[in-house]
Amino acid sequence: MELGEIGKQPGGGVTRLSFTAEERQAKELVASYMREAGLAVYEDAAGNLIGRKEGMNPDAPVMLIGSHIDSVYNGGRFDGPLGVLAGIEVVQTMNEQGVRTHHPIEVVAFTDEEGARFRFGMIGSRAMAGTLPPEALDYRDVEGVSVAEALKRAGFDPDRLPQAARKPGTIKAYVELHIEQGRVLEEAGLPVGIVTGIAGLVWVKFTVEGKAEHAGATPMSLRRDPMAAAAQIMAVIEEEARRTGTTVGTVGQLHVFPGGINVIPERVEFVLDLRDLQAEVRDRVWGVIAERAQAIAKERNVRVTTELLQDMPPVLCSDEVKHAAEAACRKLGYPPFWLPSGAAHDGVQLAPLCPIGMIFVRSQDGVSHNPAEWSTKEDCAAGASVLYHTVQQLARGE
């Protein structure tokens, strides 16, 4: 709740975008929590905030716990911060209980997981994995500020970004506690769940071009209306996503030009978010949507073009981490419950570098990316306890 006061909006939501004054203030607060927990605190070249607890073997691969503290516009208090703060609590409890581990433990708050500012997320985890593409530095926010410029303004050197990359074999495993952002656990009546994998997503920008004409003077039969075509394509997206039973398709961004009440649009732009835990299913659905979109364009005499904004393959959680989380659930008396993550997380980027896993906490009404986002103290405590025992088992070196 204290962290949620930073970037708080009039309606109770939180806006903390990457490389802003609000994010810096949040980092300073979280760094103070890390120091209180006995961690050595630093920021890497990508701005990832890291607190380190040494292990009995300082040279052993590090056990990594974390999440992010940036937000979407007018988001909630739990998405991201829960995983960072619970990670700090895990290490603080270990220190209080005199628990020593073979592996060093690091708690990380990754830079710009959400991608709300530059429409390109997971900058910090990509940098740590060594997979941040050079062109990402040129991406710009709505005010025209590039990622490179934002880094400089925040006190970082874009040329030093490669220094944030970790080498293969230097991370034992990455575990993240996160709110579910859905209703599966709530429907099951359970406080915690073990994630089986993270669905792969594609973001595709559609541009539909027609002809701007007077809304009253142009007969329906003579129109080249890109908005009508866009609406039809969106209906296809819903239809094809529903057909598989596992795929989800969403259009959450729509721009109409010129935007007059009494003007048939000249151009419509919207972005498709398509996800599935199986890459072949997702790609097959996308292929059908693309084919049907072109058929609609031909039928309505408009032009449809697409641009791939982002393509993240699905990632399965490691058996080692899942088994440790299962043992933790059983130890604490929670029935192990398995579920996929439909939302993307930093673990997607780290998966080629190390084993990854996630623990979910029940979300009230499944609400997320919204001021009403909420998880109870009891459920957060349950998730943190499962995280504690999971990390202990993995970091002991057994």
Protein backbone atom coordinates (compact mmCIF):
# COMPACT_ATOMS: atom_id res chain seq x y z
CA MET A 1 0.00 0.00 0.00
CA GLU A 2 2.92 2.33 0.72
CA LEU A 3 4.49 1.71 -2.68
CA GLY A 4 1.07 2.18 -4.31
CA GLU A 5 1.02 5.82 -3.14
CA ILE A 6 3.79 6.60 -5.64
CA GLY A 7 2.17 7.44 -8.97
CA LYS A 8 -1.30 7.28 -7.43
CA GLN A 9 -4.03 8.67 -9.69
CA PRO A 10 -7.19 10.57 -8.65
CA GLY A 11 -9.38 7.47 -9.04
CA GLY A 12 -7.04 5.30 -6.96
CA GLY A 13 -5.10 3.73 -9.82
CA VAL A 14 -1.31 3.79 -10.23
CA THR A 15 0.73 5.15 -13.14
CA ARG A 16 4.47 4.50 -12.87
CA LEU A 17 6.11 4.46 -16.28
CA SER A 18 9.71 3.48 -16.89
CA PHE A 19 12.48 6.07 -16.51
CA THR A 20 10.19 8.66 -14.92
CA ALA A 21 10.39 10.57 -11.62
CA GLU A 22 7.69 8.29 -10.21
CA GLU A 23 9.67 5.17 -11.06
CA ARG A 24 12.82 6.67 -9.51
CA GLN A 25 10.92 7.46 -6.31
CA ALA A 26 9.53 3.90 -6.24
CA LYS A 27 13.02 2.44 -6.79
CA GLU A 28 14.39 4.45 -3.88
CA LEU A 29 11.64 3.17 -1.60
CA VAL A 30 12.15 -0.44 -2.69
CA ALA A 31 15.93 -0.05 -2.31
CA SER A 32 15.33 1.07 1.28
CA TYR A 33 13.31 -2.11 1.89
CA MET A 34 16.16 -4.15 0.40
CA ARG A 35 18.76 -2.54 2.68
CA GLU A 36 16.50 -3.06 5.69
CA ALA A 37 16.40 -6.77 4.76
CA GLY A 38 20.20 -6.91 4.76
CA LEU A 39 20.71 -6.94 1.01
CA ALA A 40 23.53 -5.28 -0.92
CA VAL A 41 21.76 -3.00 -3.42
CA TYR A 42 22.79 -1.88 -6.91
CA GLU A 43 21.36 -1.09 -10.35
CA ASP A 44 22.74 -2.73 -13.47
CA ALA A 45 23.32 -1.02 -16.82
CA ALA A 46 19.66 -1.50 -17.83
CA GLY A 47 18.31 0.03 -14.63
CA ASN A 48 17.29 -3.28 -13.08
CA LEU A 49 17.24 -2.74 -9.29
CA ILE A 50 18.93 -5.69 -7.58
CA GLY A 51 19.44 -6.68 -3.94
CA ARG A 52 21.92 -9.49 -3.21
CA LYS A 53 22.27 -11.92 -0.30
CA GLU A 54 25.53 -13.86 -0.45
CA GLY A 55 25.54 -17.64 -0.37
CA MET A 56 27.99 -20.01 1.26
CA ASN A 57 29.56 -20.30 -2.18
CA PRO A 58 29.62 -16.74 -3.63
CA ASP A 59 30.69 -18.14 -7.00
CA ALA A 60 27.72 -20.51 -7.30
CA PRO A 61 24.96 -19.60 -9.78
CA VAL A 62 22.57 -17.07 -8.28
CA MET A 63 18.99 -17.88 -7.26
CA LEU A 64 16.94 -15.05 -8.77
CA ILE A 65 13.57 -13.84 -7.43
CA GLY A 66 11.65 -10.83 -8.65
CA SER A 67 9.16 -9.03 -10.82
CA HIS A 68 8.69 -5.34 -11.70
CA ILE A 69 7.47 -2.07 -10.16
CA ASP A 70 6.48 -0.16 -13.31
CA SER A 71 2.79 -0.09 -14.20
CA VAL A 72 0.35 0.35 -17.03
CA TYR A 73 -1.58 3.62 -17.20
CA ASN A 74 -3.96 3.80 -14.23
CA GLY A 75 -3.16 0.25 -13.16
CA GLY A 76 -3.35 -1.56 -9.84
CA ARG A 77 -1.08 -1.85 -6.80
CA PHE A 78 -0.29 -5.59 -6.97
CA ASP A 79 0.76 -6.40 -10.55
CA GLY A 80 4.56 -6.60 -10.28
CA PRO A 81 5.23 -5.09 -6.83
CA LEU A 82 3.88 -8.19 -5.04
CA GLY A 83 6.67 -10.32 -6.53
CA VAL A 84 9.41 -7.82 -5.71
CA LEU A 85 8.27 -7.12 -2.15
CA ALA A 86 7.60 -10.79 -1.41
CA GLY A 87 11.11 -11.59 -2.66
CA ILE A 88 12.54 -9.06 -0.21
CA GLU A 89 10.38 -10.54 2.57
CA VAL A 90 11.69 -14.04 1.74
CA VAL A 91 15.31 -12.94 2.15
CA GLN A 92 14.58 -10.86 5.24
CA THR A 93 12.93 -13.90 6.86
CA MET A 94 15.91 -16.08 5.95
CA ASN A 95 18.24 -13.59 7.62
CA GLU A 96 16.01 -13.37 10.69
CA GLN A 97 15.90 -17.17 10.96
CA GLY A 98 19.61 -17.61 10.31
CA VAL A 99 18.97 -19.60 7.13
CA ARG A 100 22.06 -19.93 4.95
CA THR A 101 22.04 -21.21 1.39
CA HIS A 102 24.68 -22.63 -0.93
CA HIS A 103 23.61 -20.29 -3.75
CA PRO A 104 23.57 -16.50 -3.51
CA ILE A 105 20.07 -15.03 -3.77
CA GLU A 106 19.19 -11.88 -5.70
CA VAL A 107 15.89 -10.00 -5.67
CA VAL A 108 15.33 -7.99 -8.84
CA ALA A 109 12.86 -5.29 -9.88
CA PHE A 110 13.07 -5.45 -13.66
CA THR A 111 12.99 -2.31 -15.79
CA ASP A 112 9.89 -1.64 -17.92
CA GLU A 113 8.14 -5.01 -17.88
CA GLU A 114 4.78 -3.55 -18.91
CA GLY A 115 5.88 -1.72 -22.06
CA ALA A 116 3.26 0.97 -21.41
CA ARG A 117 5.54 3.87 -22.27
CA PHE A 118 7.30 2.65 -25.43
CA ARG A 119 4.90 -0.12 -26.55
CA PHE A 120 7.81 -2.55 -26.14
CA GLY A 121 7.99 -4.33 -22.82
CA MET A 122 10.48 -6.34 -20.75
CA ILE A 123 13.44 -4.09 -21.48
CA GLY A 124 15.25 -5.05 -18.26
CA SER A 125 14.81 -8.82 -18.56
CA ARG A 126 15.72 -8.74 -22.26
CA ALA A 127 18.89 -6.86 -21.34
CA MET A 128 19.73 -9.39 -18.62
CA ALA A 129 19.18 -12.24 -21.09
CA GLY A 130 21.32 -10.46 -23.69
CA THR A 131 18.47 -10.37 -26.21
CA LEU A 132 17.48 -6.68 -26.24
CA PRO A 133 17.55 -5.74 -29.95
CA PRO A 134 19.58 -2.60 -30.80
CA GLU A 135 16.58 -1.06 -32.58
CA ALA A 136 14.67 -1.02 -29.28
CA LEU A 137 16.72 2.03 -28.28
CA ASP A 138 15.01 3.98 -31.06
CA TYR A 139 11.44 3.22 -29.95
CA ARG A 140 9.65 6.39 -28.81
CA ASP A 141 6.90 7.31 -26.38
CA VAL A 142 3.91 9.54 -27.20
CA GLU A 143 6.03 12.64 -26.60
CA GLY A 144 8.71 11.48 -29.04
CA VAL A 145 11.28 10.54 -26.39
CA SER A 146 13.29 7.48 -27.41
CA VAL A 147 14.35 4.64 -25.09
CA ALA A 148 17.97 5.79 -25.47
CA GLU A 149 17.07 9.36 -24.50
CA ALA A 150 15.01 8.14 -21.54
CA LEU A 151 17.93 6.04 -20.35
CA LYS A 152 20.27 9.04 -20.50
CA ARG A 153 17.81 11.26 -18.63
CA ALA A 154 17.59 8.60 -15.91
CA GLY A 155 21.39 8.55 -15.57
CA PHE A 156 22.21 5.45 -17.63
CA ASP A 157 24.47 5.06 -20.65
CA PRO A 158 22.74 3.26 -23.56
CA ASP A 159 26.14 2.15 -24.87
CA ARG A 160 26.70 0.17 -21.66
CA LEU A 161 23.47 -1.85 -21.93
CA PRO A 162 25.30 -5.05 -22.98
CA GLN A 163 26.95 -5.03 -19.54
CA ALA A 164 23.59 -6.01 -18.01
CA ALA A 165 23.68 -9.38 -19.81
CA ARG A 166 24.28 -12.47 -17.65
CA LYS A 167 26.25 -15.40 -18.99
CA PRO A 168 24.68 -18.87 -19.34
CA GLY A 169 25.17 -20.89 -16.18
CA THR A 170 25.32 -17.89 -13.85
CA ILE A 171 21.65 -18.13 -12.78
CA LYS A 172 20.47 -21.23 -10.91
CA ALA A 173 16.76 -20.48 -11.53
CA TYR A 174 14.29 -17.60 -11.68
CA VAL A 175 11.09 -17.71 -9.62
CA GLU A 176 8.38 -15.06 -9.63
CA LEU A 177 5.36 -14.58 -7.40
CA HIS A 178 2.55 -12.75 -9.18
CA ILE A 179 -1.16 -12.15 -8.93
CA GLU A 180 -3.07 -14.44 -11.27
CA GLN A 181 -4.86 -11.62 -13.14
CA GLY A 182 -7.69 -14.03 -13.82
CA ARG A 183 -10.44 -15.96 -12.03
CA VAL A 184 -9.21 -19.56 -12.16
CA LEU A 185 -7.94 -19.72 -8.56
CA GLU A 186 -10.97 -17.85 -7.30
CA GLU A 187 -13.28 -20.31 -9.02
CA ALA A 188 -11.30 -23.18 -7.50
CA GLY A 189 -11.46 -21.59 -4.04
CA LEU A 190 -7.67 -21.65 -3.64
CA PRO A 191 -5.21 -18.93 -2.55
CA VAL A 192 -2.20 -20.13 -4.57
CA GLY A 193 -1.39 -21.97 -7.79
CA ILE A 194 1.66 -23.29 -9.60
CA VAL A 195 2.16 -22.03 -13.15
CA THR A 196 2.77 -24.63 -15.85
CA GLY A 197 3.82 -22.22 -18.59
CA ILE A 198 3.45 -18.74 -20.04
CA ALA A 199 1.37 -18.32 -23.16
CA GLY A 200 3.07 -17.02 -26.28
CA LEU A 201 1.74 -13.78 -27.70
CA VAL A 202 1.75 -11.90 -30.96
CA TRP A 203 0.88 -8.22 -31.27
CA VAL A 204 -0.19 -7.28 -34.77
CA LYS A 205 -1.08 -3.77 -35.90
CA PHE A 206 -3.85 -3.64 -38.51
CA THR A 207 -4.22 -0.64 -40.81
CA VAL A 208 -7.49 -0.54 -42.76
CA GLU A 209 -7.69 2.14 -45.46
CA GLY A 210 -10.84 3.24 -47.27
CA LYS A 211 -12.28 6.56 -48.43
CA ALA A 212 -13.38 9.48 -46.26
CA GLU A 213 -16.78 10.79 -47.38
CA HIS A 214 -19.81 12.58 -45.97
CA ALA A 215 -21.77 10.37 -43.55
CA GLY A 216 -25.14 11.67 -44.73
CA ALA A 217 -24.58 12.04 -48.45
CA THR A 218 -22.91 8.71 -49.25
CA PRO A 219 -25.27 5.74 -49.84
CA MET A 220 -24.39 2.55 -47.99
CA SER A 221 -23.88 0.68 -51.26
CA LEU A 222 -21.17 3.11 -52.43
CA ARG A 223 -19.09 3.26 -49.28
CA ARG A 224 -15.50 2.12 -48.76
CA ASP A 225 -15.76 2.20 -44.99
CA PRO A 226 -12.63 0.98 -43.14
CA MET A 227 -14.42 1.11 -39.78
CA ALA A 228 -17.08 -1.35 -40.92
CA ALA A 229 -14.34 -3.63 -42.27
CA ALA A 230 -12.37 -3.32 -39.01
CA ALA A 231 -15.45 -4.25 -36.99
CA GLN A 232 -15.97 -7.32 -39.16
CA ILE A 233 -12.31 -8.35 -38.72
CA MET A 234 -12.65 -7.96 -34.94
CA ALA A 235 -15.66 -10.28 -35.01
CA VAL A 236 -13.52 -12.81 -36.89
CA ILE A 237 -10.80 -12.50 -34.20
CA GLU A 238 -13.31 -13.37 -31.48
CA GLU A 239 -14.81 -16.20 -33.50
CA GLU A 240 -11.49 -17.87 -34.36
CA ALA A 241 -10.04 -17.48 -30.84
CA ARG A 242 -13.15 -19.05 -29.30
CA ARG A 243 -12.97 -21.97 -31.69
CA THR A 244 -9.85 -23.54 -30.10
CA GLY A 245 -10.96 -23.33 -26.47
CA THR A 246 -7.45 -22.24 -25.39
CA THR A 247 -6.62 -19.20 -27.53
CA VAL A 248 -7.46 -15.65 -26.45
CA GLY A 249 -7.70 -12.73 -28.87
CA THR A 250 -8.13 -9.10 -27.87
CA VAL A 251 -8.30 -5.72 -29.55
CA GLY A 252 -7.58 -3.14 -26.86
CA GLN A 253 -6.35 -0.25 -28.98
CA LEU A 254 -8.28 1.47 -31.78
CA HIS A 255 -7.67 4.73 -33.65
CA VAL A 256 -10.05 6.22 -36.22
CA PHE A 257 -9.00 8.94 -38.67
CA PRO A 258 -10.04 11.70 -39.13
CA GLY A 259 -12.41 10.96 -36.24
CA GLY A 260 -15.39 13.14 -37.17
CA ILE A 261 -18.90 12.16 -36.08
CA ASN A 262 -20.30 12.89 -39.52
CA VAL A 263 -17.35 11.59 -41.58
CA ILE A 264 -16.86 8.08 -42.92
CA PRO A 265 -13.31 7.27 -41.76
CA GLU A 266 -10.42 7.32 -44.15
CA ARG A 267 -8.25 5.04 -42.05
CA VAL A 268 -8.60 2.80 -39.01
CA GLU A 269 -5.75 1.33 -36.97
CA PHE A 270 -6.09 -1.33 -34.29
CA VAL A 271 -3.79 -3.79 -32.55
CA LEU A 272 -4.50 -7.49 -32.07
CA ASP A 273 -3.17 -9.31 -29.00
CA LEU A 274 -3.30 -13.08 -29.67
CA ARG A 275 -2.12 -15.72 -27.16
CA ASP A 276 -1.96 -19.46 -26.61
CA LEU A 277 0.24 -21.83 -24.62
CA GLN A 278 0.85 -23.82 -27.82
CA ALA A 279 2.71 -21.92 -30.54
CA GLU A 280 1.29 -24.03 -33.36
CA VAL A 281 -2.29 -23.36 -32.25
CA ARG A 282 -1.70 -19.63 -31.91
CA ASP A 283 0.01 -19.42 -35.31
CA ARG A 284 -2.74 -21.41 -36.99
CA VAL A 285 -5.39 -19.07 -35.58
CA TRP A 286 -3.41 -16.04 -36.71
CA GLY A 287 -3.13 -17.49 -40.21
CA VAL A 288 -6.90 -17.91 -40.46
CA ILE A 289 -7.52 -14.37 -39.15
CA ALA A 290 -5.07 -12.90 -41.68
CA GLU A 291 -6.66 -14.82 -44.56
CA ARG A 292 -10.20 -13.83 -43.61
CA ALA A 293 -9.16 -10.19 -43.12
CA GLN A 294 -7.97 -10.02 -46.72
CA ALA A 295 -11.23 -11.56 -47.92
CA ILE A 296 -13.16 -8.87 -46.00
CA ALA A 297 -10.93 -6.18 -47.53
CA LYS A 298 -11.68 -7.45 -51.03
CA GLU A 299 -15.42 -7.68 -50.35
CA ARG A 300 -15.60 -4.11 -48.97
CA ASN A 301 -13.11 -2.57 -51.43
CA VAL A 302 -10.69 -1.41 -48.71
CA ARG A 303 -7.00 -2.08 -48.12
CA VAL A 304 -5.76 -4.08 -45.11
CA THR A 305 -2.10 -4.19 -44.13
CA THR A 306 -0.54 -5.71 -41.00
CA GLU A 307 2.64 -5.05 -39.04
CA LEU A 308 4.07 -7.50 -36.49
CA LEU A 309 4.88 -5.49 -33.36
CA GLN A 310 5.91 -8.32 -31.08
CA ASP A 311 6.19 -12.10 -31.18
CA MET A 312 6.98 -14.00 -27.98
CA PRO A 313 6.95 -17.79 -28.10
CA PRO A 314 5.25 -19.78 -25.32
CA VAL A 315 7.51 -20.84 -22.45
CA LEU A 316 7.04 -23.90 -20.26
CA CYS A 317 8.04 -23.66 -16.61
CA SER A 318 10.86 -25.91 -15.49
CA ASP A 319 10.09 -29.21 -13.78
CA GLU A 320 12.69 -28.43 -11.10
CA VAL A 321 10.93 -25.22 -10.08
CA LYS A 322 7.45 -26.72 -10.35
CA HIS A 323 8.43 -29.68 -8.13
CA ALA A 324 9.94 -27.32 -5.54
CA ALA A 325 6.74 -25.24 -5.55
CA GLU A 326 4.64 -28.38 -5.26
CA ALA A 327 6.65 -29.53 -2.24
CA ALA A 328 6.21 -26.08 -0.69
CA CYS A 329 2.44 -26.22 -1.18
CA ARG A 330 2.21 -29.65 0.40
CA LYS A 331 4.41 -28.57 3.33
CA LEU A 332 2.08 -25.62 4.00
CA GLY A 333 -1.13 -27.60 3.54
CA TYR A 334 -2.21 -26.08 0.22
CA PRO A 335 -3.36 -28.56 -2.44
CA PRO A 336 -1.05 -28.22 -5.47
CA PHE A 337 -3.06 -26.60 -8.26
CA TRP A 338 -1.67 -26.21 -11.76
CA LEU A 339 -2.64 -23.48 -14.23
CA PRO A 340 -1.13 -21.66 -17.23
CA SER A 341 -0.35 -17.96 -17.36
CA GLY A 342 -2.17 -16.13 -20.10
CA ALA A 343 -0.26 -12.95 -19.32
CA ALA A 344 3.38 -12.53 -20.32
CA HIS A 345 6.07 -12.03 -17.68
CA ASP A 346 9.83 -11.41 -17.49
CA GLY A 347 10.42 -15.14 -17.19
CA VAL A 348 9.68 -15.46 -20.91
CA GLN A 349 12.88 -13.55 -21.64
CA LEU A 350 14.98 -15.42 -19.04
CA ALA A 351 13.88 -18.93 -20.10
CA PRO A 352 16.73 -19.40 -22.64
CA LEU A 353 19.18 -18.42 -19.87
CA CYS A 354 17.95 -20.47 -16.90
CA PRO A 355 15.07 -22.61 -15.53
CA ILE A 356 12.05 -20.44 -14.71
CA GLY A 357 8.90 -20.86 -12.66
CA MET A 358 6.00 -18.86 -11.28
CA ILE A 359 3.61 -18.97 -8.34
CA PHE A 360 0.21 -17.30 -8.64
CA VAL A 361 -1.85 -15.63 -5.93
CA ARG A 362 -5.65 -15.41 -6.17
CA SER A 363 -7.00 -12.19 -7.72
CA GLN A 364 -10.31 -10.85 -6.44
CA ASP A 365 -12.84 -11.03 -9.31
CA GLY A 366 -9.89 -11.69 -11.64
CA VAL A 367 -9.38 -7.93 -12.05
CA SER A 368 -5.96 -6.61 -13.13
CA HIS A 369 -4.50 -3.59 -14.93
CA ASN A 370 -7.25 -1.69 -13.14
CA PRO A 371 -7.51 0.41 -9.95
CA ALA A 372 -9.83 -2.29 -8.52
CA GLU A 373 -7.02 -4.89 -8.66
CA TRP A 374 -6.94 -6.65 -5.27
CA SER A 375 -5.55 -9.66 -3.43
CA THR A 376 -6.13 -10.15 0.28
CA LYS A 377 -3.38 -9.98 2.90
CA GLU A 378 -4.00 -13.66 3.65
CA ASP A 379 -3.59 -14.71 0.01
CA CYS A 380 -0.46 -12.58 -0.40
CA ALA A 381 0.97 -14.19 2.74
CA ALA A 382 0.14 -17.66 1.41
CA GLY A 383 1.92 -16.90 -1.85
CA ALA A 384 4.94 -15.45 -0.06
CA SER A 385 5.16 -18.54 2.15
CA VAL A 386 5.11 -20.86 -0.86
CA LEU A 387 7.78 -18.66 -2.48
CA TYR A 388 9.90 -18.84 0.71
CA HIS A 389 9.98 -22.64 0.83
CA THR A 390 10.42 -22.93 -2.95
CA VAL A 391 13.42 -20.62 -2.94
CA GLN A 392 14.91 -22.35 0.12
CA GLN A 393 14.81 -25.72 -1.60
CA LEU A 394 16.29 -24.42 -4.83
CA ALA A 395 18.97 -22.26 -3.18
CA ARG A 396 20.17 -24.92 -0.73
CA GLY A 397 21.96 -26.59 -3.60
CA GLU A 398 20.45 -30.03 -3.15
